[in-house]
């Protein structure tokens, strides 16, 4: 049986590159992971070489899948709310970043 969760606003993501990345931080910083980048410029070069042209395209800017996902936002730069599905014990089951208002998209 699946436990019931509640949707809760947990914060926001401020975007200044028109992109959001989700992944394990050890793959983006430091020298302990084989796929870690040396700098922000290196990270951007990996994204560019992966061809992020489609605004709905997911990009793996590392040597193996699963290290990170990168996706462009609906409106570019801005501050976007982040919601979590939280169970009765306070454990997070999922997160959602909302890039746009669903009512605006329909109209």
Protein backbone atom coordinates (compact mmCIF):
# COMPACT_ATOMS: atom_id res chain seq x y z
CA UNK A 1 0.00 0.00 0.00
CA UNK A 2 1.33 3.42 -0.97
CA UNK A 3 1.54 5.93 1.85
CA UNK A 4 -0.36 9.18 1.41
CA UNK A 5 1.80 12.25 0.86
CA UNK A 6 1.18 15.95 1.19
CA UNK A 7 2.44 18.59 -1.23
CA UNK A 8 4.53 21.21 0.55
CA UNK A 9 6.46 24.26 -0.68
CA UNK A 10 10.05 23.69 0.46
CA UNK A 11 11.83 26.61 -1.19
CA UNK A 12 12.77 28.05 -4.55
CA UNK A 13 15.53 27.81 -7.13
CA UNK A 14 16.99 31.07 -8.41
CA UNK A 15 18.05 30.63 -12.04
CA UNK A 16 20.54 32.88 -13.81
CA UNK A 17 21.64 30.56 -16.62
CA UNK A 18 18.20 29.56 -17.89
CA UNK A 19 18.99 25.99 -16.77
CA UNK A 20 18.35 23.77 -13.78
CA UNK A 21 20.58 20.84 -12.89
CA UNK A 22 19.64 17.90 -10.68
CA UNK A 23 22.28 15.47 -9.51
CA UNK A 24 24.68 14.29 -6.86
CA UNK A 25 26.98 17.21 -5.90
CA UNK A 26 30.04 14.94 -5.81
CA UNK A 27 29.80 14.70 -9.61
CA UNK A 28 29.93 18.44 -10.09
CA UNK A 29 32.61 19.44 -7.61
CA UNK A 30 35.73 18.00 -6.11
CA UNK A 31 38.24 15.56 -7.49
CA UNK A 32 36.96 12.37 -5.89
CA UNK A 33 34.51 11.44 -8.66
CA UNK A 34 35.64 10.41 -12.12
CA UNK A 35 33.04 12.65 -13.76
CA UNK A 36 33.58 15.76 -11.63
CA UNK A 37 34.12 19.03 -13.46
CA UNK A 38 37.05 21.29 -12.76
CA UNK A 39 35.09 24.56 -13.09
CA UNK A 40 31.80 26.14 -14.06
CA UNK A 41 33.25 26.73 -17.54
CA UNK A 42 33.99 23.00 -17.87
CA UNK A 43 30.40 22.23 -16.80
CA UNK A 44 29.01 24.66 -19.42
CA UNK A 45 31.24 23.18 -22.12
CA UNK A 46 29.91 19.70 -21.35
CA UNK A 47 26.33 20.95 -21.59
CA UNK A 48 27.07 22.78 -24.86
CA UNK A 49 28.78 19.75 -26.38
CA UNK A 50 25.72 17.66 -25.45
CA UNK A 51 23.62 20.02 -27.58
CA UNK A 52 21.08 21.66 -25.29
CA UNK A 53 18.98 23.31 -28.00
CA UNK A 54 15.51 21.90 -27.38
CA UNK A 55 13.97 23.57 -24.29
CA UNK A 56 12.60 20.20 -23.15
CA UNK A 57 15.78 18.23 -23.74
CA UNK A 58 17.54 16.52 -20.85
CA UNK A 59 21.31 16.51 -20.98
CA UNK A 60 23.80 14.28 -19.18
CA UNK A 61 26.93 16.46 -19.10
CA UNK A 62 29.13 13.66 -17.76
CA UNK A 63 30.79 10.49 -18.94
CA UNK A 64 28.01 8.30 -17.53
CA UNK A 65 24.25 8.62 -17.32
CA UNK A 66 22.74 9.33 -13.95
CA UNK A 67 25.38 11.80 -12.75
CA UNK A 68 23.24 14.83 -13.53
CA UNK A 69 20.26 16.02 -15.53
CA UNK A 70 20.11 19.49 -17.03
CA UNK A 71 16.96 21.07 -18.44
CA UNK A 72 16.18 24.57 -19.61
CA UNK A 73 13.43 26.47 -17.82
CA UNK A 74 10.17 27.57 -19.44
CA UNK A 75 10.86 31.31 -19.13
CA UNK A 76 14.66 31.45 -18.73
CA UNK A 77 16.06 33.27 -15.72
CA UNK A 78 13.94 33.77 -12.62
CA UNK A 79 12.98 32.29 -9.29
CA UNK A 80 11.02 29.03 -9.43
CA UNK A 81 9.14 27.35 -6.55
CA UNK A 82 10.09 23.85 -5.44
CA UNK A 83 7.47 21.54 -3.95
CA UNK A 84 7.93 18.21 -2.19
CA UNK A 85 5.61 15.27 -1.69
CA UNK A 86 6.15 14.53 2.02
CA UNK A 87 4.83 11.57 4.00
CA UNK A 88 3.64 11.55 7.62
CA UNK A 89 7.20 10.90 8.86
CA UNK A 90 8.52 13.95 6.99
CA UNK A 91 10.33 11.89 4.33
CA UNK A 92 10.43 13.38 0.85
CA UNK A 93 9.07 11.10 -1.88
CA UNK A 94 9.55 13.49 -4.80
CA UNK A 95 10.24 17.10 -5.68
CA UNK A 96 8.77 19.27 -8.41
CA UNK A 97 10.18 22.52 -9.76
CA UNK A 98 7.43 24.61 -11.33
CA UNK A 99 8.68 26.63 -14.29
CA UNK A 100 5.31 28.12 -15.17
CA UNK A 101 1.75 28.50 -14.01
CA UNK A 102 -0.46 25.78 -15.53
CA UNK A 103 -3.30 28.31 -15.93
CA UNK A 104 -1.01 30.61 -17.98
CA UNK A 105 0.03 27.69 -20.18
CA UNK A 106 -3.60 26.78 -20.92
CA UNK A 107 -4.60 30.36 -21.81
